[in-house]
């Protein structure tokens, strides 16, 4: 294995370790549940993605075959973590906020679905 490959793997592992540490620290130290939700969905997701990319580089350097498994896991993680955090935040809001604290909704479906913006009249 060349020095450049080892250096890329080491840098990827160190950067992903820093992201994981920051995400874990934020999970412990932030006060509100919605604030705590932010740390693992951003920083820790990047940390796990960095470890998976380092693993992909290592096995490519050792076997000269590109393992697509790590890349698929990384893509899946980067796509699903924000969506899951959004669902968890909406559930938290629905269970813990009063009806008067929720944003106004014009539709009969409620506040958690997309509402078309009201038409604005141009004052000329």
PDB file of N, CA and C in Angstrom:
ATOM      1  N   UNK A   1       0.861  -1.171   0.000  1.00  0.00           N
ATOM      2  CA  UNK A   1       0.000   0.000   0.000  1.00  0.00           C
ATOM      3  C   UNK A   1       0.909   1.237   0.000  1.00  0.00           C
ATOM      4  N   UNK A   2       0.557   2.200  -0.813  1.00  0.00           N
ATOM      5  CA  UNK A   2       1.393   3.382  -0.928  1.00  0.00           C
ATOM      6  C   UNK A   2       1.170   4.337   0.241  1.00  0.00           C
ATOM      7  N   UNK A   3       2.132   5.233   0.410  1.00  0.00           N
ATOM      8  CA  UNK A   3       2.065   6.204   1.497  1.00  0.00           C
ATOM      9  C   UNK A   3       0.874   7.140   1.320  1.00  0.00           C
ATOM     10  N   UNK A   4       0.569   7.520   0.093  1.00  0.00           N
ATOM     11  CA  UNK A   4      -0.540   8.433  -0.171  1.00  0.00           C
ATOM     12  C   UNK A   4      -1.873   7.787   0.211  1.00  0.00           C
ATOM     13  N   UNK A   5      -2.018   6.507  -0.099  1.00  0.00           N
ATOM     14  CA  UNK A   5      -3.250   5.804   0.260  1.00  0.00           C
ATOM     15  C   UNK A   5      -3.396   5.705   1.769  1.00  0.00           C
ATOM     16  N   UNK A   6      -2.305   5.356   2.452  1.00  0.00           N
ATOM     17  CA  UNK A   6      -2.349   5.282   3.912  1.00  0.00           C
ATOM     18  C   UNK A   6      -2.650   6.644   4.527  1.00  0.00           C
ATOM     19  N   UNK A   7      -2.102   7.693   3.939  1.00  0.00           N
ATOM     20  CA  UNK A   7      -2.351   9.047   4.430  1.00  0.00           C
ATOM     21  C   UNK A   7      -3.822   9.433   4.240  1.00  0.00           C
ATOM     22  N   UNK A   8      -4.405   9.111   3.086  1.00  0.00           N
ATOM     23  CA  UNK A   8      -5.820   9.400   2.848  1.00  0.00           C
ATOM     24  C   UNK A   8      -6.720   8.640   3.818  1.00  0.00           C
ATOM     25  N   UNK A   9      -6.380   7.384   4.076  1.00  0.00           N
ATOM     26  CA  UNK A   9      -7.164   6.585   5.015  1.00  0.00           C
ATOM     27  C   UNK A   9      -7.048   7.155   6.417  1.00  0.00           C
ATOM     28  N   UNK A  10      -5.847   7.523   6.828  1.00  0.00           N
ATOM     29  CA  UNK A  10      -5.641   8.081   8.163  1.00  0.00           C
ATOM     30  C   UNK A  10      -6.367   9.410   8.332  1.00  0.00           C
ATOM     31  N   UNK A  11      -6.293  10.264   7.326  1.00  0.00           N
ATOM     32  CA  UNK A  11      -6.977  11.562   7.395  1.00  0.00           C
ATOM     33  C   UNK A  11      -8.482  11.355   7.475  1.00  0.00           C
ATOM     34  N   UNK A  12      -8.993  10.429   6.668  1.00  0.00           N
ATOM     35  CA  UNK A  12     -10.431  10.150   6.698  1.00  0.00           C
ATOM     36  C   UNK A  12     -10.872   9.628   8.059  1.00  0.00           C
ATOM     37  N   UNK A  13     -10.072   8.763   8.663  1.00  0.00           N
ATOM     38  CA  UNK A  13     -10.413   8.235   9.983  1.00  0.00           C
ATOM     39  C   UNK A  13     -10.343   9.296  11.071  1.00  0.00           C
ATOM     40  N   UNK A  14      -9.339  10.163  11.002  1.00  0.00           N
ATOM     41  CA  UNK A  14      -9.214  11.224  12.016  1.00  0.00           C
ATOM     42  C   UNK A  14     -10.355  12.228  11.889  1.00  0.00           C
ATOM     43  N   UNK A  15     -10.667  12.638  10.666  1.00  0.00           N
ATOM     44  CA  UNK A  15     -11.761  13.599  10.456  1.00  0.00           C
ATOM     45  C   UNK A  15     -13.089  12.991  10.876  1.00  0.00           C
ATOM     46  N   UNK A  16     -13.321  11.730  10.524  1.00  0.00           N
ATOM     47  CA  UNK A  16     -14.578  11.105  10.931  1.00  0.00           C
ATOM     48  C   UNK A  16     -14.630  10.893  12.433  1.00  0.00           C
ATOM     49  N   UNK A  17     -13.507  10.646  13.080  1.00  0.00           N
ATOM     50  CA  UNK A  17     -13.473  10.551  14.536  1.00  0.00           C
ATOM     51  C   UNK A  17     -13.810  11.863  15.204  1.00  0.00           C
ATOM     52  N   UNK A  18     -13.318  12.959  14.632  1.00  0.00           N
ATOM     53  CA  UNK A  18     -13.643  14.286  15.172  1.00  0.00           C
ATOM     54  C   UNK A  18     -15.137  14.564  15.021  1.00  0.00           C
ATOM     55  N   UNK A  19     -15.689  14.254  13.860  1.00  0.00           N
ATOM     56  CA  UNK A  19     -17.130  14.444  13.663  1.00  0.00           C
ATOM     57  C   UNK A  19     -17.936  13.589  14.642  1.00  0.00           C
ATOM     58  N   UNK A  20     -17.528  12.347  14.832  1.00  0.00           N
ATOM     59  CA  UNK A  20     -18.217  11.480  15.775  1.00  0.00           C
ATOM     60  C   UNK A  20     -18.138  12.000  17.198  1.00  0.00           C
ATOM     61  N   UNK A  21     -16.978  12.511  17.577  1.00  0.00           N
ATOM     62  CA  UNK A  21     -16.807  13.068  18.921  1.00  0.00           C
ATOM     63  C   UNK A  21     -17.667  14.316  19.118  1.00  0.00           C
ATOM     64  N   UNK A  22     -17.688  15.190  18.141  1.00  0.00           N
ATOM     65  CA  UNK A  22     -18.503  16.400  18.240  1.00  0.00           C
ATOM     66  C   UNK A  22     -19.987  16.046  18.291  1.00  0.00           C
ATOM     67  N   UNK A  23     -20.419  15.098  17.472  1.00  0.00           N
ATOM     68  CA  UNK A  23     -21.818  14.685  17.497  1.00  0.00           C
ATOM     69  C   UNK A  23     -22.214  14.050  18.812  1.00  0.00           C
ATOM     70  N   UNK A  24     -21.338  13.222  19.367  1.00  0.00           N
ATOM     71  CA  UNK A  24     -21.631  12.591  20.654  1.00  0.00           C
ATOM     72  C   UNK A  24     -21.632  13.610  21.783  1.00  0.00           C
ATOM     73  N   UNK A  25     -20.695  14.545  21.745  1.00  0.00           N
ATOM     74  CA  UNK A  25     -20.653  15.600  22.758  1.00  0.00           C
ATOM     75  C   UNK A  25     -21.912  16.466  22.687  1.00  0.00           C
ATOM     76  N   UNK A  26     -22.339  16.792  21.482  1.00  0.00           N
ATOM     77  CA  UNK A  26     -23.562  17.576  21.318  1.00  0.00           C
ATOM     78  C   UNK A  26     -24.787  16.829  21.802  1.00  0.00           C
ATOM     79  N   UNK A  27     -24.816  15.529  21.600  1.00  0.00           N
ATOM     80  CA  UNK A  27     -25.935  14.729  22.068  1.00  0.00           C
ATOM     81  C   UNK A  27     -26.043  14.757  23.586  1.00  0.00           C
ATOM     82  N   UNK A  28     -24.905  14.779  24.267  1.00  0.00           N
ATOM     83  CA  UNK A  28     -24.897  14.780  25.733  1.00  0.00           C
ATOM     84  C   UNK A  28     -25.134  16.177  26.294  1.00  0.00           C
ATOM     85  N   UNK A  29     -24.539  17.195  25.697  1.00  0.00           N
ATOM     86  CA  UNK A  29     -24.530  18.524  26.299  1.00  0.00           C
ATOM     87  C   UNK A  29     -25.676  19.444  25.897  1.00  0.00           C
ATOM     88  N   UNK A  30     -26.309  19.224  24.778  1.00  0.00           N
ATOM     89  CA  UNK A  30     -27.398  20.107  24.383  1.00  0.00           C
ATOM     90  C   UNK A  30     -28.610  19.871  25.273  1.00  0.00           C
ATOM     91  N   UNK A  31     -29.421  20.913  25.459  1.00  0.00           N
ATOM     92  CA  UNK A  31     -30.449  20.880  26.495  1.00  0.00           C
ATOM     93  C   UNK A  31     -31.778  20.320  26.017  1.00  0.00           C
ATOM     94  N   UNK A  32     -32.262  20.743  24.912  1.00  0.00           N
ATOM     95  CA  UNK A  32     -33.594  20.394  24.430  1.00  0.00           C
ATOM     96  C   UNK A  32     -33.525  19.155  23.532  1.00  0.00           C
ATOM     97  N   UNK A  33     -34.621  18.432  23.452  1.00  0.00           N
ATOM     98  CA  UNK A  33     -34.661  17.227  22.612  1.00  0.00           C
ATOM     99  C   UNK A  33     -34.438  17.552  21.139  1.00  0.00           C
ATOM    100  N   UNK A  34     -34.999  18.658  20.684  1.00  0.00           N
ATOM    101  CA  UNK A  34     -34.797  19.026  19.279  1.00  0.00           C
ATOM    102  C   UNK A  34     -33.358  19.451  19.017  1.00  0.00           C
ATOM    103  N   UNK A  35     -32.709  20.073  19.994  1.00  0.00           N
ATOM    104  CA  UNK A  35     -31.295  20.407  19.842  1.00  0.00           C
ATOM    105  C   UNK A  35     -30.456  19.134  19.843  1.00  0.00           C
ATOM    106  N   UNK A  36     -30.798  18.198  20.703  1.00  0.00           N
ATOM    107  CA  UNK A  36     -30.071  16.924  20.754  1.00  0.00           C
ATOM    108  C   UNK A  36     -30.227  16.130  19.471  1.00  0.00           C
ATOM    109  N   UNK A  37     -31.314  16.298  18.811  1.00  0.00           N
ATOM    110  CA  UNK A  37     -31.559  15.599  17.559  1.00  0.00           C
ATOM    111  C   UNK A  37     -30.621  16.101  16.458  1.00  0.00           C
ATOM    112  N   UNK A  38     -30.240  17.355  16.526  1.00  0.00           N
ATOM    113  CA  UNK A  38     -29.412  17.962  15.492  1.00  0.00           C
ATOM    114  C   UNK A  38     -28.002  17.363  15.466  1.00  0.00           C
ATOM    115  N   UNK A  39     -27.424  17.114  16.636  1.00  0.00           N
ATOM    116  CA  UNK A  39     -26.037  16.645  16.688  1.00  0.00           C
ATOM    117  C   UNK A  39     -25.827  15.286  16.014  1.00  0.00           C
ATOM    118  N   UNK A  40     -26.600  14.252  16.350  1.00  0.00           N
ATOM    119  CA  UNK A  40     -26.325  12.978  15.695  1.00  0.00           C
ATOM    120  C   UNK A  40     -26.696  12.940  14.222  1.00  0.00           C
ATOM    121  N   UNK A  41     -27.675  13.717  13.813  1.00  0.00           N
ATOM    122  CA  UNK A  41     -28.059  13.640  12.408  1.00  0.00           C
ATOM    123  C   UNK A  41     -27.079  14.368  11.500  1.00  0.00           C
ATOM    124  N   UNK A  42     -26.337  15.265  12.019  1.00  0.00           N
ATOM    125  CA  UNK A  42     -25.367  15.971  11.174  1.00  0.00           C
ATOM    126  C   UNK A  42     -23.955  15.427  11.377  1.00  0.00           C
ATOM    127  N   UNK A  43     -23.409  15.636  12.551  1.00  0.00           N
ATOM    128  CA  UNK A  43     -22.002  15.329  12.773  1.00  0.00           C
ATOM    129  C   UNK A  43     -21.719  13.829  12.799  1.00  0.00           C
ATOM    130  N   UNK A  44     -22.535  13.074  13.497  1.00  0.00           N
ATOM    131  CA  UNK A  44     -22.266  11.648  13.608  1.00  0.00           C
ATOM    132  C   UNK A  44     -22.497  10.940  12.278  1.00  0.00           C
ATOM    133  N   UNK A  45     -23.423  11.415  11.481  1.00  0.00           N
ATOM    134  CA  UNK A  45     -23.635  10.844  10.152  1.00  0.00           C
ATOM    135  C   UNK A  45     -22.400  11.038   9.287  1.00  0.00           C
ATOM    136  N   UNK A  46     -21.808  12.213   9.353  1.00  0.00           N
ATOM    137  CA  UNK A  46     -20.570  12.445   8.604  1.00  0.00           C
ATOM    138  C   UNK A  46     -19.425  11.605   9.145  1.00  0.00           C
ATOM    139  N   UNK A  47     -19.417  11.384  10.464  1.00  0.00           N
ATOM    140  CA  UNK A  47     -18.381  10.545  11.056  1.00  0.00           C
ATOM    141  C   UNK A  47     -18.460   9.105  10.581  1.00  0.00           C
ATOM    142  N   UNK A  48     -19.639   8.534  10.591  1.00  0.00           N
ATOM    143  CA  UNK A  48     -19.808   7.156  10.125  1.00  0.00           C
ATOM    144  C   UNK A  48     -19.522   7.067   8.629  1.00  0.00           C
ATOM    145  N   UNK A  49     -19.949   8.073   7.875  1.00  0.00           N
ATOM    146  CA  UNK A  49     -19.655   8.092   6.444  1.00  0.00           C
ATOM    147  C   UNK A  49     -18.163   8.134   6.161  1.00  0.00           C
ATOM    148  N   UNK A  50     -17.411   8.890   6.960  1.00  0.00           N
ATOM    149  CA  UNK A  50     -15.958   8.942   6.790  1.00  0.00           C
ATOM    150  C   UNK A  50     -15.283   7.613   7.081  1.00  0.00           C
ATOM    151  N   UNK A  51     -15.754   6.906   8.103  1.00  0.00           N
ATOM    152  CA  UNK A  51     -15.197   5.583   8.414  1.00  0.00           C
ATOM    153  C   UNK A  51     -15.493   4.606   7.275  1.00  0.00           C
ATOM    154  N   UNK A  52     -16.690   4.676   6.733  1.00  0.00           N
ATOM    155  CA  UNK A  52     -17.029   3.787   5.624  1.00  0.00           C
ATOM    156  C   UNK A  52     -16.208   4.101   4.372  1.00  0.00           C
ATOM    157  N   UNK A  53     -15.942   5.359   4.117  1.00  0.00           N
ATOM    158  CA  UNK A  53     -15.106   5.724   2.967  1.00  0.00           C
ATOM    159  C   UNK A  53     -13.669   5.274   3.191  1.00  0.00           C
ATOM    160  N   UNK A  54     -13.173   5.404   4.432  1.00  0.00           N
ATOM    161  CA  UNK A  54     -11.826   4.911   4.743  1.00  0.00           C
ATOM    162  C   UNK A  54     -11.754   3.396   4.540  1.00  0.00           C
ATOM    163  N   UNK A  55     -12.801   2.684   4.937  1.00  0.00           N
ATOM    164  CA  UNK A  55     -12.846   1.229   4.732  1.00  0.00           C
ATOM    165  C   UNK A  55     -12.847   0.892   3.241  1.00  0.00           C
ATOM    166  N   UNK A  56     -13.583   1.671   2.460  1.00  0.00           N
ATOM    167  CA  UNK A  56     -13.627   1.445   1.029  1.00  0.00           C
ATOM    168  C   UNK A  56     -12.242   1.672   0.405  1.00  0.00           C
ATOM    169  N   UNK A  57     -11.555   2.715   0.822  1.00  0.00           N
ATOM    170  CA  UNK A  57     -10.211   2.980   0.314  1.00  0.00           C
ATOM    171  C   UNK A  57      -9.232   1.874   0.710  1.00  0.00           C
ATOM    172  N   UNK A  58      -9.327   1.414   1.945  1.00  0.00           N
ATOM    173  CA  UNK A  58      -8.418   0.372   2.428  1.00  0.00           C
ATOM    174  C   UNK A  58      -8.576  -0.915   1.630  1.00  0.00           C
ATOM    175  N   UNK A  59      -9.816  -1.364   1.459  1.00  0.00           N
ATOM    176  CA  UNK A  59     -10.015  -2.617   0.739  1.00  0.00           C
ATOM    177  C   UNK A  59      -9.744  -2.474  -0.753  1.00  0.00           C
ATOM    178  N   UNK A  60      -9.901  -1.274  -1.297  1.00  0.00           N
ATOM    179  CA  UNK A  60      -9.519  -1.062  -2.691  1.00  0.00           C
ATOM    180  C   UNK A  60      -7.998  -1.140  -2.838  1.00  0.00           C
ATOM    181  N   UNK A  61      -7.261  -0.590  -1.876  1.00  0.00           N
ATOM    182  CA  UNK A  61      -5.803  -0.644  -1.935  1.00  0.00           C
ATOM    183  C   UNK A  61      -5.282  -2.065  -1.716  1.00  0.00           C
ATOM    184  N   UNK A  62      -5.963  -2.853  -0.880  1.00  0.00           N
ATOM    185  CA  UNK A  62      -5.508  -4.218  -0.594  1.00  0.00           C
ATOM    186  C   UNK A  62      -5.854  -5.207  -1.696  1.00  0.00           C
ATOM    187  N   UNK A  63      -7.058  -5.129  -2.249  1.00  0.00           N
ATOM    188  CA  UNK A  63      -7.516  -6.160  -3.182  1.00  0.00           C
ATOM    189  C   UNK A  63      -7.625  -5.698  -4.628  1.00  0.00           C
ATOM    190  N   UNK A  64      -7.490  -4.410  -4.871  1.00  0.00           N
ATOM    191  CA  UNK A  64      -7.657  -3.822  -6.208  1.00  0.00           C
ATOM    192  C   UNK A  64      -9.057  -4.043  -6.779  1.00  0.00           C
ATOM    193  N   UNK A  65     -10.016  -4.293  -5.913  1.00  0.00           N
ATOM    194  CA  UNK A  65     -11.424  -4.388  -6.308  1.00  0.00           C
ATOM    195  C   UNK A  65     -12.202  -3.355  -5.520  1.00  0.00           C
ATOM    196  N   UNK A  66     -13.064  -2.648  -6.219  1.00  0.00           N
ATOM    197  CA  UNK A  66     -13.872  -1.631  -5.561  1.00  0.00           C
ATOM    198  C   UNK A  66     -15.084  -2.294  -4.921  1.00  0.00           C
ATOM    199  N   UNK A  67     -15.156  -2.197  -3.601  1.00  0.00           N
ATOM    200  CA  UNK A  67     -16.312  -2.728  -2.876  1.00  0.00           C
ATOM    201  C   UNK A  67     -17.374  -1.644  -2.817  1.00  0.00           C
ATOM    202  N   UNK A  68     -18.480  -1.912  -3.428  1.00  0.00           N
ATOM    203  CA  UNK A  68     -19.540  -0.927  -3.521  1.00  0.00           C
ATOM    204  C   UNK A  68     -20.411  -0.920  -2.274  1.00  0.00           C
ATOM    205  N   UNK A  69     -20.284  -1.941  -1.404  1.00  0.00           N
ATOM    206  CA  UNK A  69     -21.118  -2.044  -0.215  1.00  0.00           C
ATOM    207  C   UNK A  69     -20.973  -0.827   0.701  1.00  0.00           C
ATOM    208  N   UNK A  70     -19.736  -0.434   0.958  1.00  0.00           N
ATOM    209  CA  UNK A  70     -19.514   0.712   1.839  1.00  0.00           C
ATOM    210  C   UNK A  70     -20.075   1.993   1.240  1.00  0.00           C
ATOM    211  N   UNK A  71     -19.938   2.145  -0.064  1.00  0.00           N
ATOM    212  CA  UNK A  71     -20.474   3.331  -0.724  1.00  0.00           C
ATOM    213  C   UNK A  71     -22.005   3.353  -0.649  1.00  0.00           C
ATOM    214  N   UNK A  72     -22.638   2.211  -0.828  1.00  0.00           N
ATOM    215  CA  UNK A  72     -24.098   2.149  -0.731  1.00  0.00           C
ATOM    216  C   UNK A  72     -24.581   2.429   0.692  1.00  0.00           C
ATOM    217  N   UNK A  73     -23.864   1.916   1.684  1.00  0.00           N
ATOM    218  CA  UNK A  73     -24.234   2.185   3.074  1.00  0.00           C
ATOM    219  C   UNK A  73     -24.099   3.676   3.371  1.00  0.00           C
ATOM    220  N   UNK A  74     -23.034   4.306   2.881  1.00  0.00           N
ATOM    221  CA  UNK A  74     -22.830   5.736   3.091  1.00  0.00           C
ATOM    222  C   UNK A  74     -23.940   6.557   2.451  1.00  0.00           C
ATOM    223  N   UNK A  75     -24.280   6.243   1.219  1.00  0.00           N
ATOM    224  CA  UNK A  75     -25.351   6.968   0.521  1.00  0.00           C
ATOM    225  C   UNK A  75     -26.678   6.768   1.248  1.00  0.00           C
ATOM    226  N   UNK A  76     -26.966   5.536   1.655  1.00  0.00           N
ATOM    227  CA  UNK A  76     -28.201   5.255   2.372  1.00  0.00           C
ATOM    228  C   UNK A  76     -28.256   6.042   3.679  1.00  0.00           C
ATOM    229  N   UNK A  77     -27.152   6.083   4.398  1.00  0.00           N
ATOM    230  CA  UNK A  77     -27.100   6.815   5.662  1.00  0.00           C
ATOM    231  C   UNK A  77     -27.292   8.317   5.445  1.00  0.00           C
ATOM    232  N   UNK A  78     -26.642   8.873   4.439  1.00  0.00           N
ATOM    233  CA  UNK A  78     -26.768  10.310   4.175  1.00  0.00           C
ATOM    234  C   UNK A  78     -28.173  10.682   3.688  1.00  0.00           C
ATOM    235  N   UNK A  79     -28.876   9.738   3.074  1.00  0.00           N
ATOM    236  CA  UNK A  79     -30.240  10.021   2.618  1.00  0.00           C
ATOM    237  C   UNK A  79     -31.277   9.835   3.718  1.00  0.00           C
ATOM    238  N   UNK A  80     -31.094   8.847   4.574  1.00  0.00           N
ATOM    239  CA  UNK A  80     -32.139   8.532   5.540  1.00  0.00           C
ATOM    240  C   UNK A  80     -32.037   9.304   6.850  1.00  0.00           C
ATOM    241  N   UNK A  81     -30.851   9.710   7.266  1.00  0.00           N
ATOM    242  CA  UNK A  81     -30.710  10.405   8.560  1.00  0.00           C
ATOM    243  C   UNK A  81     -31.479  11.729   8.605  1.00  0.00           C
ATOM    244  N   UNK A  82     -31.413  12.599   7.597  1.00  0.00           N
ATOM    245  CA  UNK A  82     -32.196  13.836   7.671  1.00  0.00           C
ATOM    246  C   UNK A  82     -33.708  13.600   7.628  1.00  0.00           C
ATOM    247  N   UNK A  83     -34.138  12.609   6.862  1.00  0.00           N
ATOM    248  CA  UNK A  83     -35.568  12.320   6.782  1.00  0.00           C
ATOM    249  C   UNK A  83     -36.077  11.798   8.117  1.00  0.00           C
ATOM    250  N   UNK A  84     -35.313  10.914   8.734  1.00  0.00           N
ATOM    251  CA  UNK A  84     -35.688  10.390  10.042  1.00  0.00           C
ATOM    252  C   UNK A  84     -35.726  11.499  11.082  1.00  0.00           C
ATOM    253  N   UNK A  85     -34.747  12.387  11.051  1.00  0.00           N
ATOM    254  CA  UNK A  85     -34.736  13.505  12.001  1.00  0.00           C
ATOM    255  C   UNK A  85     -35.950  14.405  11.802  1.00  0.00           C
ATOM    256  N   UNK A  86     -36.353  14.605  10.560  1.00  0.00           N
ATOM    257  CA  UNK A  86     -37.534  15.411  10.284  1.00  0.00           C
ATOM    258  C   UNK A  86     -38.783  14.761  10.872  1.00  0.00           C
ATOM    259  N   UNK A  87     -38.939  13.463  10.693  1.00  0.00           N
ATOM    260  CA  UNK A  87     -40.091  12.758  11.258  1.00  0.00           C
ATOM    261  C   UNK A  87     -40.089  12.804  12.778  1.00  0.00           C
ATOM    262  N   UNK A  88     -38.928  12.627  13.382  1.00  0.00           N
ATOM    263  CA  UNK A  88     -38.834  12.670  14.846  1.00  0.00           C
ATOM    264  C   UNK A  88     -39.170  14.069  15.353  1.00  0.00           C
ATOM    265  N   UNK A  89     -38.707  15.106  14.682  1.00  0.00           N
ATOM    266  CA  UNK A  89     -39.001  16.479  15.095  1.00  0.00           C
ATOM    267  C   UNK A  89     -40.493  16.779  14.981  1.00  0.00           C
ATOM    268  N   UNK A  90     -41.131  16.323  13.911  1.00  0.00           N
ATOM    269  CA  UNK A  90     -42.579  16.549  13.765  1.00  0.00           C
ATOM    270  C   UNK A  90     -43.362  15.810  14.840  1.00  0.00           C
ATOM    271  N   UNK A  91     -42.930  14.600  15.169  1.00  0.00           N
ATOM    272  CA  UNK A  91     -43.600  13.852  16.227  1.00  0.00           C
ATOM    273  C   UNK A  91     -43.437  14.553  17.566  1.00  0.00           C
ATOM    274  N   UNK A  92     -42.232  15.056  17.832  1.00  0.00           N
ATOM    275  CA  UNK A  92     -41.983  15.789  19.079  1.00  0.00           C
ATOM    276  C   UNK A  92     -42.884  17.022  19.157  1.00  0.00           C
ATOM    277  N   UNK A  93     -42.973  17.736  18.056  1.00  0.00           N
ATOM    278  CA  UNK A  93     -43.810  18.938  18.045  1.00  0.00           C
ATOM    279  C   UNK A  93     -45.273  18.591  18.261  1.00  0.00           C
ATOM    280  N   UNK A  94     -45.732  17.530  17.652  1.00  0.00           N
ATOM    281  CA  UNK A  94     -47.138  17.155  17.778  1.00  0.00           C
ATOM    282  C   UNK A  94     -47.483  16.692  19.189  1.00  0.00           C
ATOM    283  N   UNK A  95     -46.554  16.045  19.858  1.00  0.00           N
ATOM    284  CA  UNK A  95     -46.842  15.519  21.192  1.00  0.00           C
ATOM    285  C   UNK A  95     -46.587  16.518  22.299  1.00  0.00           C
ATOM    286  N   UNK A  96     -45.642  17.450  22.128  1.00  0.00           N
ATOM    287  CA  UNK A  96     -45.204  18.281  23.241  1.00  0.00           C
ATOM    288  C   UNK A  96     -45.558  19.757  23.146  1.00  0.00           C
ATOM    289  N   UNK A  97     -46.045  20.191  22.016  1.00  0.00           N
ATOM    290  CA  UNK A  97     -46.403  21.598  21.892  1.00  0.00           C
ATOM    291  C   UNK A  97     -47.915  21.750  21.961  1.00  0.00           C
ATOM    292  N   UNK A  98     -48.331  22.865  22.483  1.00  0.00           N
ATOM    293  CA  UNK A  98     -49.763  23.155  22.524  1.00  0.00           C
ATOM    294  C   UNK A  98     -50.243  23.509  21.122  1.00  0.00           C
ATOM    295  N   UNK A  99     -51.516  23.345  20.905  1.00  0.00           N
ATOM    296  CA  UNK A  99     -52.089  23.641  19.587  1.00  0.00           C
ATOM    297  C   UNK A  99     -51.857  25.094  19.201  1.00  0.00           C
ATOM    298  N   UNK A 100     -51.854  25.990  20.180  1.00  0.00           N
ATOM    299  CA  UNK A 100     -51.661  27.412  19.873  1.00  0.00           C
ATOM    300  C   UNK A 100     -50.218  27.717  19.478  1.00  0.00           C
ATOM    301  N   UNK A 101     -49.263  26.862  19.839  1.00  0.00           N
ATOM    302  CA  UNK A 101     -47.864  27.095  19.499  1.00  0.00           C
ATOM    303  C   UNK A 101     -47.489  26.594  18.109  1.00  0.00           C
ATOM    304  N   UNK A 102     -48.343  25.784  17.504  1.00  0.00           N
ATOM    305  CA  UNK A 102     -48.047  25.237  16.188  1.00  0.00           C
ATOM    306  C   UNK A 102     -48.288  26.285  15.111  1.00  0.00           C
ATOM    307  N   UNK A 103     -47.558  26.188  14.005  1.00  0.00           N
ATOM    308  CA  UNK A 103     -47.776  27.155  12.925  1.00  0.00           C
ATOM    309  C   UNK A 103     -49.173  27.024  12.331  1.00  0.00           C
ATOM    310  N   UNK A 104     -49.682  28.128  11.796  1.00  0.00           N
ATOM    311  CA  UNK A 104     -51.010  28.116  11.182  1.00  0.00           C
ATOM    312  C   UNK A 104     -50.985  27.279   9.910  1.00  0.00           C
ATOM    313  N   UNK A 105     -52.067  26.566   9.688  1.00  0.00           N
ATOM    314  CA  UNK A 105     -52.210  25.754   8.491  1.00  0.00           C
ATOM    315  C   UNK A 105     -53.526  26.111   7.821  1.00  0.00           C
ATOM    316  N   UNK A 106     -53.500  26.247   6.516  1.00  0.00           N
ATOM    317  CA  UNK A 106     -54.696  26.604   5.765  1.00  0.00           C
ATOM    318  C   UNK A 106     -55.452  25.369   5.291  1.00  0.00           C
ATOM    319  N   UNK A 107     -54.837  24.190   5.348  1.00  0.00           N
ATOM    320  CA  UNK A 107     -55.498  23.003   4.818  1.00  0.00           C
ATOM    321  C   UNK A 107     -56.221  22.243   5.913  1.00  0.00           C
ATOM    322  N   UNK A 108     -57.059  21.335   5.494  1.00  0.00           N
ATOM    323  CA  UNK A 108     -57.790  20.516   6.455  1.00  0.00           C
ATOM    324  C   UNK A 108     -56.935  19.365   6.982  1.00  0.00           C
ATOM    325  N   UNK A 109     -55.772  19.151   6.382  1.00  0.00           N
ATOM    326  CA  UNK A 109     -54.908  18.039   6.792  1.00  0.00           C
ATOM    327  C   UNK A 109     -54.087  18.362   8.028  1.00  0.00           C
ATOM    328  N   UNK A 110     -53.907  19.605   8.363  1.00  0.00           N
ATOM    329  CA  UNK A 110     -53.132  19.951   9.554  1.00  0.00           C
ATOM    330  C   UNK A 110     -51.807  20.595   9.226  1.00  0.00           C
ATOM    331  N   UNK A 111     -51.032  20.829  10.268  1.00  0.00           N
ATOM    332  CA  UNK A 111     -49.803  21.603  10.147  1.00  0.00           C
ATOM    333  C   UNK A 111     -48.645  20.805   9.573  1.00  0.00           C
ATOM    334  N   UNK A 112     -48.705  19.495   9.570  1.00  0.00           N
ATOM    335  CA  UNK A 112     -47.519  18.710   9.225  1.00  0.00           C
ATOM    336  C   UNK A 112     -47.389  18.386   7.741  1.00  0.00           C
ATOM    337  N   UNK A 113     -48.289  18.870   6.915  1.00  0.00           N
ATOM    338  CA  UNK A 113     -48.185  18.633   5.487  1.00  0.00           C
ATOM    339  C   UNK A 113     -47.894  19.949   4.780  1.00  0.00           C
ATOM    340  N   UNK A 114     -47.451  19.832   3.555  1.00  0.00           N
ATOM    341  CA  UNK A 114     -47.112  21.025   2.792  1.00  0.00           C
ATOM    342  C   UNK A 114     -48.380  21.747   2.370  1.00  0.00           C
ATOM    343  N   UNK A 115     -48.428  23.017   2.674  1.00  0.00           N
ATOM    344  CA  UNK A 115     -49.541  23.855   2.231  1.00  0.00           C
ATOM    345  C   UNK A 115     -49.052  24.748   1.105  1.00  0.00           C
ATOM    346  N   UNK A 116     -49.872  24.916   0.126  1.00  0.00           N
ATOM    347  CA  UNK A 116     -49.562  25.862  -0.936  1.00  0.00           C
ATOM    348  C   UNK A 116     -49.501  27.260  -0.334  1.00  0.00           C
ATOM    349  N   UNK A 117     -48.523  28.064  -0.723  1.00  0.00           N
ATOM    350  CA  UNK A 117     -48.495  29.425  -0.189  1.00  0.00           C
ATOM    351  C   UNK A 117     -49.704  30.216  -0.673  1.00  0.00           C
ATOM    352  N   UNK A 118     -50.249  31.059   0.183  1.00  0.00           N
ATOM    353  CA  UNK A 118     -51.405  31.846  -0.253  1.00  0.00           C
ATOM    354  C   UNK A 118     -51.013  32.789  -1.387  1.00  0.00           C
ATOM    355  N   UNK A 119     -51.947  32.990  -2.291  1.00  0.00           N
ATOM    356  CA  UNK A 119     -51.699  33.888  -3.410  1.00  0.00           C
ATOM    357  C   UNK A 119     -51.574  35.318  -2.902  1.00  0.00           C
ATOM    358  N   UNK A 120     -50.547  35.965  -3.374  1.00  0.00           N
ATOM    359  CA  UNK A 120     -50.328  37.340  -2.952  1.00  0.00           C
ATOM    360  C   UNK A 120     -50.789  38.271  -4.066  1.00  0.00           C
ATOM    361  N   UNK A 121     -51.499  39.276  -3.684  1.00  0.00           N
ATOM    362  CA  UNK A 121     -51.951  40.248  -4.673  1.00  0.00           C
ATOM    363  C   UNK A 121     -50.916  41.343  -4.781  1.00  0.00           C
ATOM    364  N   UNK A 122     -50.683  41.724  -5.990  1.00  0.00           N
ATOM    365  CA  UNK A 122     -49.699  42.777  -6.225  1.00  0.00           C
ATOM    366  C   UNK A 122     -50.392  44.138  -6.087  1.00  0.00           C
ATOM    367  N   UNK A 123     -49.920  44.931  -5.160  1.00  0.00           N
ATOM    368  CA  UNK A 123     -50.464  46.270  -4.957  1.00  0.00           C
ATOM    369  C   UNK A 123     -49.716  47.243  -5.863  1.00  0.00           C
ATOM    370  N   UNK A 124     -50.426  47.749  -6.864  1.00  0.00           N
ATOM    371  CA  UNK A 124     -49.774  48.687  -7.788  1.00  0.00           C
ATOM    372  C   UNK A 124     -50.505  49.989  -7.797  1.00  0.00           C
TER     373      UNK A 124
END
